[in-house]
């Protein structure tokens, strides 16, 4: 019997999301706080957080809130950019972290929701910039499902790093003009009929509470 393999656009989202979950579960099991691996703005030792902070979460609720959106948005990215999603994701990842390091409050900023904002912002603006049928359809889906996220870029709860949300949103906007404007005709249309059925049954993961995506920061005592 021939074994069916996973669709290629699912592999990276699953691996990255699993790595994020595994890091938190390991830190919980060992009773170790990894908050010091977060981004600490405008300090040399805080630079390492640009790489590590998306893997660090303050609680299991914090992790769950991010994993509700992260794999979905990663799937959309890989589906719409099958040949260069690694380059786009890496650029979003670094730009978001740098933005937090340069402009955020001097506390340890942890969590993956900055990356979530970067992905949502990129996918939305790329659909507008590229003017391709598939990307435009996904932009509409992003607005319907994640539109409430826009309020997360404003200061609210002092324990939520709104600066990370804002940095991610700006990074996505910039990358849309860098990458989407270079888009040539690809086989993107083959996904058009699959996008809504594939993610339609996941719309329930978002509700009004998603406007409070947890991207916590830890004060340096």
N, C-alpha and C. Protein backbone atom coordinates (compact mmCIF):
# COMPACT_ATOMS: atom_id res chain seq x y z
N UNK A 1 0.85 -1.20 0.00
CA UNK A 1 0.00 0.00 0.00
C UNK A 1 0.88 1.25 0.00
N UNK A 2 0.54 2.18 -0.85
CA UNK A 2 1.32 3.41 -0.95
C UNK A 2 0.96 4.38 0.18
N UNK A 3 1.97 4.83 0.91
CA UNK A 3 1.74 5.74 2.03
C UNK A 3 1.63 7.17 1.54
N UNK A 4 0.59 7.86 1.98
CA UNK A 4 0.41 9.25 1.59
C UNK A 4 1.29 10.14 2.46
N UNK A 5 1.97 11.07 1.84
CA UNK A 5 2.80 12.01 2.60
C UNK A 5 2.03 13.29 2.84
N UNK A 6 2.49 14.04 3.83
CA UNK A 6 1.85 15.32 4.12
C UNK A 6 2.07 16.29 2.97
N UNK A 7 1.08 17.14 2.67
CA UNK A 7 1.30 18.19 1.67
C UNK A 7 2.51 19.04 2.08
N UNK A 8 3.32 19.42 1.13
CA UNK A 8 4.57 20.11 1.43
C UNK A 8 4.37 21.40 2.20
N UNK A 9 3.24 22.10 1.96
CA UNK A 9 3.05 23.39 2.62
C UNK A 9 2.71 23.26 4.11
N UNK A 10 2.43 22.03 4.57
CA UNK A 10 2.10 21.80 5.97
C UNK A 10 3.34 21.47 6.81
N UNK A 11 4.38 20.95 6.17
CA UNK A 11 5.53 20.42 6.90
C UNK A 11 6.22 21.49 7.76
N UNK A 12 6.59 22.61 7.16
CA UNK A 12 7.29 23.65 7.92
C UNK A 12 6.42 24.22 9.05
N UNK A 13 5.15 24.57 8.81
CA UNK A 13 4.30 25.05 9.90
C UNK A 13 4.22 24.07 11.07
N UNK A 14 4.10 22.78 10.77
CA UNK A 14 4.03 21.78 11.83
C UNK A 14 5.33 21.69 12.62
N UNK A 15 6.45 21.69 11.91
CA UNK A 15 7.74 21.58 12.58
C UNK A 15 8.02 22.79 13.45
N UNK A 16 7.78 23.99 12.93
CA UNK A 16 8.07 25.20 13.70
C UNK A 16 7.15 25.30 14.91
N UNK A 17 5.86 25.03 14.72
CA UNK A 17 4.91 25.11 15.82
C UNK A 17 5.22 24.05 16.88
N UNK A 18 5.62 22.87 16.45
CA UNK A 18 5.98 21.82 17.39
C UNK A 18 7.21 22.21 18.20
N UNK A 19 8.17 22.88 17.55
CA UNK A 19 9.38 23.32 18.25
C UNK A 19 9.04 24.36 19.31
N UNK A 20 8.13 25.28 18.99
CA UNK A 20 7.69 26.30 19.95
C UNK A 20 7.05 25.63 21.16
N UNK A 21 6.17 24.67 20.91
CA UNK A 21 5.50 23.97 22.00
C UNK A 21 6.49 23.15 22.83
N UNK A 22 7.42 22.49 22.16
CA UNK A 22 8.37 21.62 22.85
C UNK A 22 9.26 22.41 23.80
N UNK A 23 9.74 23.57 23.36
CA UNK A 23 10.61 24.39 24.22
C UNK A 23 9.88 24.77 25.51
N UNK A 24 8.62 25.16 25.40
CA UNK A 24 7.88 25.55 26.61
C UNK A 24 7.65 24.33 27.51
N UNK A 25 7.25 23.21 26.92
CA UNK A 25 6.98 22.02 27.72
C UNK A 25 8.23 21.53 28.43
N UNK A 26 9.38 21.65 27.77
CA UNK A 26 10.64 21.24 28.39
C UNK A 26 11.01 22.16 29.55
N UNK A 27 10.82 23.46 29.36
CA UNK A 27 11.14 24.40 30.43
C UNK A 27 10.21 24.19 31.63
N UNK A 28 8.94 23.84 31.36
CA UNK A 28 8.00 23.55 32.43
C UNK A 28 8.39 22.27 33.17
N UNK A 29 8.76 21.26 32.40
CA UNK A 29 9.13 19.97 33.00
C UNK A 29 10.37 20.10 33.87
N UNK A 30 11.31 20.92 33.44
CA UNK A 30 12.56 21.09 34.19
C UNK A 30 12.46 22.18 35.25
N UNK A 31 11.34 22.90 35.26
CA UNK A 31 11.17 23.96 36.24
C UNK A 31 12.13 25.12 36.04
N UNK A 32 12.46 25.39 34.79
CA UNK A 32 13.43 26.44 34.47
C UNK A 32 12.74 27.58 33.73
N UNK A 33 12.96 28.81 34.17
CA UNK A 33 12.43 29.97 33.46
C UNK A 33 13.43 30.39 32.39
N UNK A 34 12.93 30.47 31.14
CA UNK A 34 13.79 30.86 30.03
C UNK A 34 13.57 32.31 29.63
N UNK A 35 12.93 33.09 30.51
CA UNK A 35 12.59 34.48 30.16
C UNK A 35 13.82 35.31 29.82
N UNK A 36 14.97 34.97 30.42
CA UNK A 36 16.18 35.74 30.16
C UNK A 36 16.68 35.56 28.73
N UNK A 37 16.09 34.62 28.00
CA UNK A 37 16.42 34.45 26.58
C UNK A 37 15.54 35.32 25.69
N UNK A 38 14.69 36.12 26.31
CA UNK A 38 13.86 37.04 25.54
C UNK A 38 14.66 38.24 25.05
N UNK A 39 13.97 39.12 24.36
CA UNK A 39 14.61 40.34 23.85
C UNK A 39 14.66 41.38 24.96
N UNK A 40 15.84 41.86 25.26
CA UNK A 40 15.98 42.98 26.20
C UNK A 40 16.49 44.16 25.39
N UNK A 41 15.62 45.14 25.14
CA UNK A 41 15.93 46.22 24.19
C UNK A 41 17.20 47.01 24.52
N UNK A 42 17.90 47.34 23.46
CA UNK A 42 19.07 48.23 23.47
C UNK A 42 20.17 47.75 24.43
N UNK A 43 20.32 46.45 24.53
CA UNK A 43 21.41 45.88 25.32
C UNK A 43 22.05 44.76 24.51
N UNK A 44 23.34 44.58 24.67
CA UNK A 44 24.04 43.56 23.90
C UNK A 44 23.52 42.17 24.23
N UNK A 45 23.33 41.88 25.53
CA UNK A 45 22.87 40.55 25.92
C UNK A 45 21.44 40.28 25.47
N UNK A 46 20.69 41.35 25.21
CA UNK A 46 19.31 41.19 24.77
C UNK A 46 19.16 40.85 23.31
N UNK A 47 20.28 40.92 22.55
CA UNK A 47 20.22 40.61 21.12
C UNK A 47 19.88 39.15 20.86
N UNK A 48 20.30 38.27 21.77
CA UNK A 48 20.03 36.84 21.56
C UNK A 48 18.53 36.55 21.52
N UNK A 49 17.75 37.44 22.14
CA UNK A 49 16.31 37.26 22.14
C UNK A 49 15.68 37.38 20.78
N UNK A 50 16.36 38.04 19.84
CA UNK A 50 15.83 38.14 18.48
C UNK A 50 15.64 36.75 17.90
N UNK A 51 16.54 35.83 18.23
CA UNK A 51 16.45 34.45 17.76
C UNK A 51 15.57 33.58 18.66
N UNK A 52 15.68 33.78 19.97
CA UNK A 52 15.06 32.84 20.90
C UNK A 52 13.69 33.24 21.43
N UNK A 53 13.38 34.53 21.48
CA UNK A 53 12.16 34.97 22.17
C UNK A 53 10.87 34.34 21.64
N UNK A 54 10.70 34.10 20.32
CA UNK A 54 9.44 33.49 19.88
C UNK A 54 9.19 32.09 20.43
N UNK A 55 10.23 31.45 20.96
CA UNK A 55 10.08 30.11 21.51
C UNK A 55 9.79 30.13 23.01
N UNK A 56 9.84 31.31 23.63
CA UNK A 56 9.69 31.43 25.08
C UNK A 56 8.31 31.97 25.41
N UNK A 57 7.60 31.28 26.32
CA UNK A 57 6.26 31.72 26.72
C UNK A 57 6.14 31.70 28.24
N UNK A 58 5.36 32.64 28.75
CA UNK A 58 5.26 32.81 30.18
C UNK A 58 4.33 31.83 30.87
N UNK A 59 3.42 31.22 30.12
CA UNK A 59 2.46 30.28 30.71
C UNK A 59 1.90 29.40 29.61
N UNK A 60 1.20 28.35 30.03
CA UNK A 60 0.59 27.46 29.04
C UNK A 60 -0.53 28.18 28.29
N UNK A 61 -1.23 29.10 28.96
CA UNK A 61 -2.27 29.88 28.29
C UNK A 61 -1.66 30.79 27.21
N UNK A 62 -0.52 31.37 27.55
CA UNK A 62 0.22 32.20 26.60
C UNK A 62 0.59 31.39 25.37
N UNK A 63 1.07 30.17 25.59
CA UNK A 63 1.44 29.28 24.49
C UNK A 63 0.22 28.92 23.65
N UNK A 64 -0.88 28.53 24.29
CA UNK A 64 -2.08 28.12 23.57
C UNK A 64 -2.62 29.25 22.69
N UNK A 65 -2.62 30.47 23.23
CA UNK A 65 -3.18 31.58 22.47
C UNK A 65 -2.39 31.83 21.19
N UNK A 66 -1.08 31.59 21.25
CA UNK A 66 -0.26 31.78 20.05
C UNK A 66 -0.35 30.60 19.09
N UNK A 67 -0.42 29.38 19.62
CA UNK A 67 -0.51 28.21 18.75
C UNK A 67 -1.87 28.11 18.06
N UNK A 68 -2.86 28.85 18.54
CA UNK A 68 -4.15 28.88 17.85
C UNK A 68 -4.04 29.54 16.48
N UNK A 69 -3.09 30.46 16.34
CA UNK A 69 -2.98 31.21 15.09
C UNK A 69 -1.71 30.89 14.30
N UNK A 70 -0.61 30.59 15.00
CA UNK A 70 0.69 30.45 14.33
C UNK A 70 0.70 29.42 13.20
N UNK A 71 0.28 28.17 13.41
CA UNK A 71 0.35 27.21 12.31
C UNK A 71 -0.57 27.55 11.15
N UNK A 72 -1.71 28.17 11.43
CA UNK A 72 -2.64 28.56 10.36
C UNK A 72 -1.98 29.60 9.45
N UNK A 73 -1.40 30.63 10.06
CA UNK A 73 -0.77 31.69 9.27
C UNK A 73 0.47 31.18 8.55
N UNK A 74 1.22 30.29 9.18
CA UNK A 74 2.38 29.71 8.51
C UNK A 74 1.96 28.88 7.30
N UNK A 75 0.85 28.16 7.42
CA UNK A 75 0.34 27.39 6.28
C UNK A 75 -0.05 28.30 5.12
N UNK A 76 -0.68 29.42 5.45
CA UNK A 76 -1.04 30.37 4.40
C UNK A 76 0.21 30.92 3.71
N UNK A 77 1.24 31.21 4.51
CA UNK A 77 2.49 31.73 3.95
C UNK A 77 3.14 30.70 3.02
N UNK A 78 3.25 29.47 3.46
CA UNK A 78 3.92 28.45 2.65
C UNK A 78 3.09 28.07 1.43
N UNK A 79 1.76 28.12 1.57
CA UNK A 79 0.89 27.80 0.46
C UNK A 79 1.00 28.83 -0.66
N UNK A 80 1.06 30.09 -0.27
CA UNK A 80 1.08 31.17 -1.26
C UNK A 80 2.48 31.49 -1.77
N UNK A 81 3.49 31.01 -1.05
CA UNK A 81 4.87 31.29 -1.45
C UNK A 81 5.70 30.01 -1.39
N UNK A 82 5.35 29.01 -2.19
CA UNK A 82 5.98 27.70 -2.06
C UNK A 82 7.48 27.69 -2.33
N UNK A 83 7.98 28.64 -3.11
CA UNK A 83 9.38 28.63 -3.49
C UNK A 83 10.27 29.52 -2.63
N UNK A 84 9.68 30.39 -1.82
CA UNK A 84 10.52 31.33 -1.07
C UNK A 84 9.98 31.66 0.31
N UNK A 85 9.19 30.78 0.87
CA UNK A 85 8.61 31.08 2.19
C UNK A 85 9.68 31.15 3.28
N UNK A 86 10.77 30.40 3.13
CA UNK A 86 11.84 30.46 4.13
C UNK A 86 12.48 31.85 4.14
N UNK A 87 12.73 32.40 2.97
CA UNK A 87 13.32 33.74 2.88
C UNK A 87 12.39 34.79 3.47
N UNK A 88 11.11 34.70 3.15
CA UNK A 88 10.13 35.66 3.66
C UNK A 88 10.00 35.54 5.18
N UNK A 89 9.85 34.31 5.65
CA UNK A 89 9.69 34.09 7.09
C UNK A 89 10.92 34.55 7.86
N UNK A 90 12.10 34.25 7.35
CA UNK A 90 13.34 34.67 8.03
C UNK A 90 13.43 36.19 8.12
N UNK A 91 13.05 36.86 7.05
CA UNK A 91 13.09 38.32 7.05
C UNK A 91 12.09 38.90 8.04
N UNK A 92 10.88 38.36 8.05
CA UNK A 92 9.87 38.80 9.02
C UNK A 92 10.35 38.57 10.45
N UNK A 93 10.94 37.42 10.67
CA UNK A 93 11.43 37.02 12.00
C UNK A 93 12.48 38.00 12.52
N UNK A 94 13.48 38.28 11.69
CA UNK A 94 14.58 39.16 12.11
C UNK A 94 14.10 40.60 12.25
N UNK A 95 13.32 41.09 11.29
CA UNK A 95 12.86 42.49 11.35
C UNK A 95 11.98 42.73 12.58
N UNK A 96 11.12 41.77 12.90
CA UNK A 96 10.27 41.91 14.09
C UNK A 96 11.12 41.99 15.35
N UNK A 97 12.06 41.08 15.48
CA UNK A 97 12.93 41.09 16.65
C UNK A 97 13.76 42.35 16.76
N UNK A 98 14.29 42.82 15.65
CA UNK A 98 15.08 44.05 15.65
C UNK A 98 14.23 45.25 16.06
N UNK A 99 12.99 45.28 15.55
CA UNK A 99 12.10 46.38 15.91
C UNK A 99 11.84 46.43 17.41
N UNK A 100 11.65 45.27 18.02
CA UNK A 100 11.45 45.22 19.47
C UNK A 100 12.71 45.64 20.19
N UNK A 101 13.86 45.14 19.75
CA UNK A 101 15.13 45.46 20.40
C UNK A 101 15.43 46.96 20.34
N UNK A 102 15.07 47.61 19.24
CA UNK A 102 15.37 49.02 19.06
C UNK A 102 14.41 49.92 19.83
N UNK A 103 13.11 49.58 19.85
CA UNK A 103 12.12 50.56 20.29
C UNK A 103 11.30 50.19 21.52
N UNK A 104 11.36 48.96 22.00
CA UNK A 104 10.45 48.55 23.07
C UNK A 104 10.95 48.96 24.45
N UNK A 105 10.09 48.76 25.44
CA UNK A 105 10.45 49.02 26.83
C UNK A 105 11.59 48.10 27.27
N UNK A 106 12.35 48.55 28.23
CA UNK A 106 13.49 47.75 28.69
C UNK A 106 13.03 46.71 29.70
N UNK A 107 12.49 45.66 29.16
CA UNK A 107 12.07 44.48 29.90
C UNK A 107 12.28 43.29 28.98
N UNK A 108 12.19 42.08 29.51
CA UNK A 108 12.34 40.91 28.66
C UNK A 108 11.05 40.64 27.91
N UNK A 109 11.11 40.72 26.59
CA UNK A 109 9.95 40.51 25.73
C UNK A 109 10.01 39.08 25.19
N UNK A 110 8.96 38.32 25.44
CA UNK A 110 8.94 36.91 25.06
C UNK A 110 7.64 36.56 24.35
N UNK A 111 7.66 35.45 23.62
CA UNK A 111 6.45 34.96 22.97
C UNK A 111 6.48 35.07 21.46
N UNK A 112 5.58 34.36 20.80
CA UNK A 112 5.55 34.29 19.34
C UNK A 112 4.53 35.22 18.69
N UNK A 113 3.81 36.00 19.46
CA UNK A 113 2.74 36.78 18.83
C UNK A 113 3.26 37.94 17.98
N UNK A 114 4.50 38.37 18.21
CA UNK A 114 5.09 39.35 17.30
C UNK A 114 5.22 38.76 15.91
N UNK A 115 5.63 37.49 15.84
CA UNK A 115 5.72 36.79 14.57
C UNK A 115 4.34 36.58 13.96
N UNK A 116 3.35 36.32 14.80
CA UNK A 116 1.97 36.16 14.32
C UNK A 116 1.49 37.44 13.65
N UNK A 117 1.75 38.58 14.29
CA UNK A 117 1.37 39.86 13.70
C UNK A 117 2.12 40.10 12.40
N UNK A 118 3.39 39.71 12.36
CA UNK A 118 4.18 39.89 11.14
C UNK A 118 3.60 39.06 9.99
N UNK A 119 3.24 37.83 10.27
CA UNK A 119 2.67 36.95 9.25
C UNK A 119 1.32 37.47 8.75
N UNK A 120 0.45 37.85 9.69
CA UNK A 120 -0.87 38.35 9.30
C UNK A 120 -0.74 39.63 8.48
N UNK A 121 0.15 40.51 8.91
CA UNK A 121 0.35 41.77 8.19
C UNK A 121 0.91 41.52 6.80
N UNK A 122 1.89 40.64 6.71
CA UNK A 122 2.49 40.35 5.40
C UNK A 122 1.46 39.76 4.44
N UNK A 123 0.73 38.76 4.90
CA UNK A 123 -0.23 38.08 4.02
C UNK A 123 -1.31 39.05 3.55
N UNK A 124 -1.75 39.92 4.46
CA UNK A 124 -2.78 40.89 4.08
C UNK A 124 -2.26 41.88 3.04
N UNK A 125 -1.12 42.51 3.33
CA UNK A 125 -0.61 43.54 2.42
C UNK A 125 -0.06 42.93 1.13
N UNK A 126 0.46 41.70 1.19
CA UNK A 126 0.95 41.05 -0.02
C UNK A 126 -0.19 40.82 -1.00
N UNK A 127 -1.37 40.50 -0.47
CA UNK A 127 -2.52 40.30 -1.34
C UNK A 127 -2.91 41.57 -2.07
N UNK A 128 -2.72 42.70 -1.42
CA UNK A 128 -3.03 43.99 -2.04
C UNK A 128 -1.97 44.38 -3.06
N UNK A 129 -0.70 44.19 -2.67
CA UNK A 129 0.42 44.61 -3.52
C UNK A 129 0.53 43.74 -4.77
N UNK A 130 0.41 42.41 -4.60
CA UNK A 130 0.62 41.50 -5.73
C UNK A 130 -0.56 41.51 -6.70
N UNK A 131 -1.75 41.81 -6.22
CA UNK A 131 -2.95 41.84 -7.06
C UNK A 131 -3.20 40.51 -7.75
N UNK A 132 -2.81 39.41 -7.09
CA UNK A 132 -3.08 38.09 -7.63
C UNK A 132 -4.35 37.53 -7.01
N UNK A 133 -5.03 36.71 -7.77
CA UNK A 133 -6.32 36.19 -7.37
C UNK A 133 -6.25 35.45 -6.02
N UNK A 134 -5.30 34.53 -5.90
CA UNK A 134 -5.20 33.75 -4.67
C UNK A 134 -4.85 34.60 -3.48
N UNK A 135 -3.86 35.50 -3.63
CA UNK A 135 -3.44 36.36 -2.53
C UNK A 135 -4.54 37.30 -2.09
N UNK A 136 -5.29 37.83 -3.05
CA UNK A 136 -6.39 38.75 -2.71
C UNK A 136 -7.46 38.03 -1.90
N UNK A 137 -7.74 36.78 -2.25
CA UNK A 137 -8.74 36.00 -1.51
C UNK A 137 -8.29 35.77 -0.08
N UNK A 138 -7.00 35.46 0.09
CA UNK A 138 -6.47 35.23 1.44
C UNK A 138 -6.47 36.51 2.25
N UNK A 139 -6.21 37.65 1.62
CA UNK A 139 -6.27 38.94 2.33
C UNK A 139 -7.64 39.14 2.94
N UNK A 140 -8.68 38.77 2.19
CA UNK A 140 -10.04 38.90 2.69
C UNK A 140 -10.26 37.98 3.89
N UNK A 141 -9.72 36.76 3.80
CA UNK A 141 -9.84 35.82 4.91
C UNK A 141 -9.15 36.36 6.16
N UNK A 142 -7.96 36.95 5.97
CA UNK A 142 -7.20 37.52 7.08
C UNK A 142 -8.01 38.61 7.78
N UNK A 143 -8.66 39.46 7.00
CA UNK A 143 -9.47 40.53 7.59
C UNK A 143 -10.63 39.94 8.39
N UNK A 144 -11.30 38.94 7.84
CA UNK A 144 -12.47 38.36 8.51
C UNK A 144 -12.09 37.65 9.80
N UNK A 145 -10.96 36.92 9.78
CA UNK A 145 -10.61 36.11 10.94
C UNK A 145 -9.78 36.87 11.96
N UNK A 146 -8.81 37.65 11.48
CA UNK A 146 -7.85 38.27 12.38
C UNK A 146 -7.94 39.80 12.45
N UNK A 147 -9.03 40.35 11.94
CA UNK A 147 -9.15 41.81 11.91
C UNK A 147 -9.05 42.45 13.28
N UNK A 148 -9.53 41.75 14.32
CA UNK A 148 -9.48 42.31 15.67
C UNK A 148 -8.08 42.47 16.21
N UNK A 149 -7.10 41.83 15.58
CA UNK A 149 -5.72 41.93 16.05
C UNK A 149 -5.18 43.35 15.98
N UNK A 150 -5.79 44.19 15.14
CA UNK A 150 -5.26 45.54 14.95
C UNK A 150 -5.20 46.31 16.26
N UNK A 151 -6.11 46.00 17.19
CA UNK A 151 -6.11 46.72 18.46
C UNK A 151 -4.93 46.31 19.34
N UNK A 152 -4.29 45.21 19.02
CA UNK A 152 -3.17 44.75 19.81
C UNK A 152 -1.91 45.58 19.66
N UNK A 153 -1.88 46.48 18.67
CA UNK A 153 -0.69 47.32 18.49
C UNK A 153 -0.75 48.57 19.35
N UNK A 154 -1.83 48.72 20.12
CA UNK A 154 -1.98 49.87 21.00
C UNK A 154 -1.71 49.47 22.45
N UNK A 155 -1.14 50.38 23.25
CA UNK A 155 -0.88 50.06 24.66
C UNK A 155 -2.17 49.72 25.39
N UNK A 156 -2.15 48.63 26.11
CA UNK A 156 -3.33 48.24 26.90
C UNK A 156 -2.86 47.64 28.21
N UNK A 157 -2.81 46.33 28.28
CA UNK A 157 -2.32 45.63 29.46
C UNK A 157 -0.80 45.83 29.58
N UNK A 158 -0.31 46.33 30.71
CA UNK A 158 1.13 46.55 30.85
C UNK A 158 1.96 45.28 30.79
N UNK A 159 1.31 44.12 30.90
CA UNK A 159 2.04 42.85 30.84
C UNK A 159 2.03 42.25 29.44
N UNK A 160 1.49 42.96 28.48
CA UNK A 160 1.49 42.51 27.09
C UNK A 160 2.36 43.45 26.27
N UNK A 161 3.27 42.88 25.51
CA UNK A 161 4.19 43.69 24.72
C UNK A 161 3.54 44.16 23.43
N UNK A 162 2.81 45.26 23.52
CA UNK A 162 2.18 45.81 22.32
C UNK A 162 3.25 46.25 21.31
N UNK A 163 4.44 46.57 21.81
CA UNK A 163 5.53 46.96 20.90
C UNK A 163 5.90 45.82 19.95
N UNK A 164 5.81 44.59 20.46
CA UNK A 164 6.10 43.43 19.62
C UNK A 164 5.04 43.27 18.53
N UNK A 165 3.79 43.50 18.88
CA UNK A 165 2.71 43.45 17.89
C UNK A 165 2.95 44.51 16.81
N UNK A 166 3.27 45.72 17.26
CA UNK A 166 3.49 46.81 16.32
C UNK A 166 4.70 46.53 15.42
N UNK A 167 5.78 46.03 16.03
CA UNK A 167 6.98 45.72 15.25
C UNK A 167 6.67 44.65 14.20
N UNK A 168 5.89 43.64 14.58
CA UNK A 168 5.50 42.61 13.63
C UNK A 168 4.64 43.16 12.51
N UNK A 169 3.69 44.03 12.85
CA UNK A 169 2.84 44.63 11.83
C UNK A 169 3.63 45.45 10.83
N UNK A 170 4.58 46.23 11.33
CA UNK A 170 5.41 47.05 10.45
C UNK A 170 6.31 46.17 9.59
N UNK A 171 6.89 45.13 10.18
CA UNK A 171 7.74 44.20 9.43
C UNK A 171 6.97 43.55 8.30
N UNK A 172 5.72 43.14 8.56
CA UNK A 172 4.91 42.53 7.52
C UNK A 172 4.60 43.49 6.39
N UNK A 173 4.32 44.73 6.76
CA UNK A 173 4.04 45.77 5.75
C UNK A 173 5.25 46.00 4.85
N UNK A 174 6.43 46.11 5.46
CA UNK A 174 7.66 46.34 4.69
C UNK A 174 7.95 45.17 3.77
N UNK A 175 7.85 43.95 4.32
CA UNK A 175 8.17 42.76 3.54
C UNK A 175 7.20 42.55 2.39
N UNK A 176 5.96 42.98 2.54
CA UNK A 176 5.00 42.86 1.45
C UNK A 176 5.46 43.62 0.23
N UNK A 177 6.02 44.79 0.45
CA UNK A 177 6.50 45.59 -0.68
C UNK A 177 7.83 45.07 -1.22
N UNK A 178 8.61 44.42 -0.37
CA UNK A 178 9.88 43.85 -0.83
C UNK A 178 9.65 42.60 -1.66
N UNK A 179 8.79 41.70 -1.17
CA UNK A 179 8.63 40.39 -1.80
C UNK A 179 7.43 40.29 -2.73
N UNK A 180 6.28 40.81 -2.32
CA UNK A 180 5.08 40.62 -3.13
C UNK A 180 5.16 41.37 -4.45
N UNK A 181 5.86 42.50 -4.46
CA UNK A 181 5.99 43.26 -5.71
C UNK A 181 6.87 42.54 -6.71
N UNK A 182 7.64 41.52 -6.25
CA UNK A 182 8.51 40.75 -7.14
C UNK A 182 7.81 39.51 -7.66
N UNK A 183 6.58 39.27 -7.19
CA UNK A 183 5.87 38.04 -7.53
C UNK A 183 5.59 37.95 -9.02
N UNK A 184 5.91 36.79 -9.58
CA UNK A 184 5.58 36.52 -10.97
C UNK A 184 4.45 35.51 -11.00
N UNK A 185 3.91 35.27 -12.18
CA UNK A 185 2.83 34.30 -12.31
C UNK A 185 3.32 32.92 -11.89
N UNK A 186 2.68 32.34 -10.92
CA UNK A 186 3.02 31.00 -10.45
C UNK A 186 1.78 30.14 -10.48
N UNK A 187 1.89 28.99 -9.88
CA UNK A 187 0.74 28.10 -9.83
C UNK A 187 -0.12 28.38 -8.62
N UNK A 188 -0.10 29.62 -8.12
CA UNK A 188 -0.83 29.98 -6.91
C UNK A 188 -2.33 29.72 -7.06
N UNK A 189 -2.83 29.84 -8.32
CA UNK A 189 -4.25 29.69 -8.51
C UNK A 189 -4.75 28.29 -8.14
N UNK A 190 -3.85 27.29 -8.16
CA UNK A 190 -4.30 25.94 -7.85
C UNK A 190 -4.80 25.82 -6.43
N UNK A 191 -4.40 26.76 -5.56
CA UNK A 191 -4.82 26.70 -4.18
C UNK A 191 -6.14 27.42 -3.93
N UNK A 192 -6.60 28.21 -4.90
CA UNK A 192 -7.77 29.05 -4.67
C UNK A 192 -8.96 28.26 -4.17
N UNK A 193 -9.25 27.14 -4.84
CA UNK A 193 -10.43 26.38 -4.48
C UNK A 193 -10.25 25.61 -3.18
N UNK A 194 -9.01 25.52 -2.69
CA UNK A 194 -8.75 24.74 -1.48
C UNK A 194 -8.62 25.59 -0.23
N UNK A 195 -8.36 26.88 -0.38
CA UNK A 195 -8.04 27.71 0.77
C UNK A 195 -9.19 27.77 1.76
N UNK A 196 -10.39 28.10 1.28
CA UNK A 196 -11.51 28.25 2.21
C UNK A 196 -11.92 26.92 2.83
N UNK A 197 -12.04 25.81 2.05
CA UNK A 197 -12.36 24.55 2.71
C UNK A 197 -11.30 24.13 3.72
N UNK A 198 -10.03 24.38 3.39
CA UNK A 198 -8.95 23.93 4.26
C UNK A 198 -8.97 24.62 5.60
N UNK A 199 -9.21 25.93 5.61
CA UNK A 199 -9.14 26.69 6.84
C UNK A 199 -10.51 27.08 7.38
N UNK A 200 -11.55 26.81 6.61
CA UNK A 200 -12.88 27.20 7.05
C UNK A 200 -13.27 26.57 8.37
N UNK A 201 -12.86 25.33 8.60
CA UNK A 201 -13.24 24.67 9.83
C UNK A 201 -12.39 25.11 11.01
N UNK A 202 -11.48 26.07 10.77
CA UNK A 202 -10.65 26.56 11.86
C UNK A 202 -11.01 27.98 12.26
N UNK A 203 -12.05 28.52 11.66
CA UNK A 203 -12.43 29.89 11.98
C UNK A 203 -12.81 30.02 13.45
N UNK A 204 -13.27 28.91 14.05
CA UNK A 204 -13.71 28.97 15.44
C UNK A 204 -12.57 29.24 16.41
N UNK A 205 -11.31 29.20 15.95
CA UNK A 205 -10.20 29.41 16.87
C UNK A 205 -10.09 30.86 17.30
N UNK A 206 -10.76 31.75 16.62
CA UNK A 206 -10.66 33.15 16.96
C UNK A 206 -11.99 33.67 17.47
N UNK A 207 -11.91 34.57 18.41
CA UNK A 207 -13.10 35.27 18.87
C UNK A 207 -12.65 36.60 19.43
N UNK A 208 -13.52 37.29 20.15
CA UNK A 208 -13.17 38.62 20.63
C UNK A 208 -11.97 38.60 21.55
N UNK A 209 -11.71 37.45 22.16
CA UNK A 209 -10.57 37.38 23.07
C UNK A 209 -9.26 37.46 22.33
N UNK A 210 -9.27 37.16 21.03
CA UNK A 210 -8.02 37.16 20.28
C UNK A 210 -7.43 38.55 20.15
N UNK A 211 -8.23 39.57 20.41
CA UNK A 211 -7.68 40.92 20.39
C UNK A 211 -6.72 41.13 21.55
N UNK A 212 -6.64 40.14 22.44
CA UNK A 212 -5.72 40.23 23.57
C UNK A 212 -4.67 39.14 23.48
N UNK A 213 -4.12 38.94 22.28
CA UNK A 213 -3.09 37.94 22.08
C UNK A 213 -1.96 38.16 23.08
N UNK A 214 -1.58 37.12 23.74
CA UNK A 214 -0.58 37.25 24.79
C UNK A 214 0.84 37.23 24.22
N UNK A 215 1.49 38.33 24.27
CA UNK A 215 2.92 38.39 23.96
C UNK A 215 3.53 39.08 25.16
N UNK A 216 3.75 38.30 26.19
CA UNK A 216 4.08 38.85 27.49
C UNK A 216 5.54 39.29 27.56
N UNK A 217 5.80 40.14 28.51
CA UNK A 217 7.18 40.50 28.78
C UNK A 217 7.41 40.35 30.27
N UNK A 218 8.64 40.11 30.62
CA UNK A 218 8.98 39.89 32.03
C UNK A 218 9.83 41.05 32.50
N UNK A 219 9.38 41.71 33.57
CA UNK A 219 10.13 42.82 34.11
C UNK A 219 11.45 42.32 34.69
N UNK A 220 12.48 43.12 34.51
CA UNK A 220 13.78 42.78 35.03
C UNK A 220 13.88 43.26 36.47
N UNK A 221 13.74 42.34 37.39
CA UNK A 221 13.81 42.69 38.80
C UNK A 221 15.26 42.79 39.27
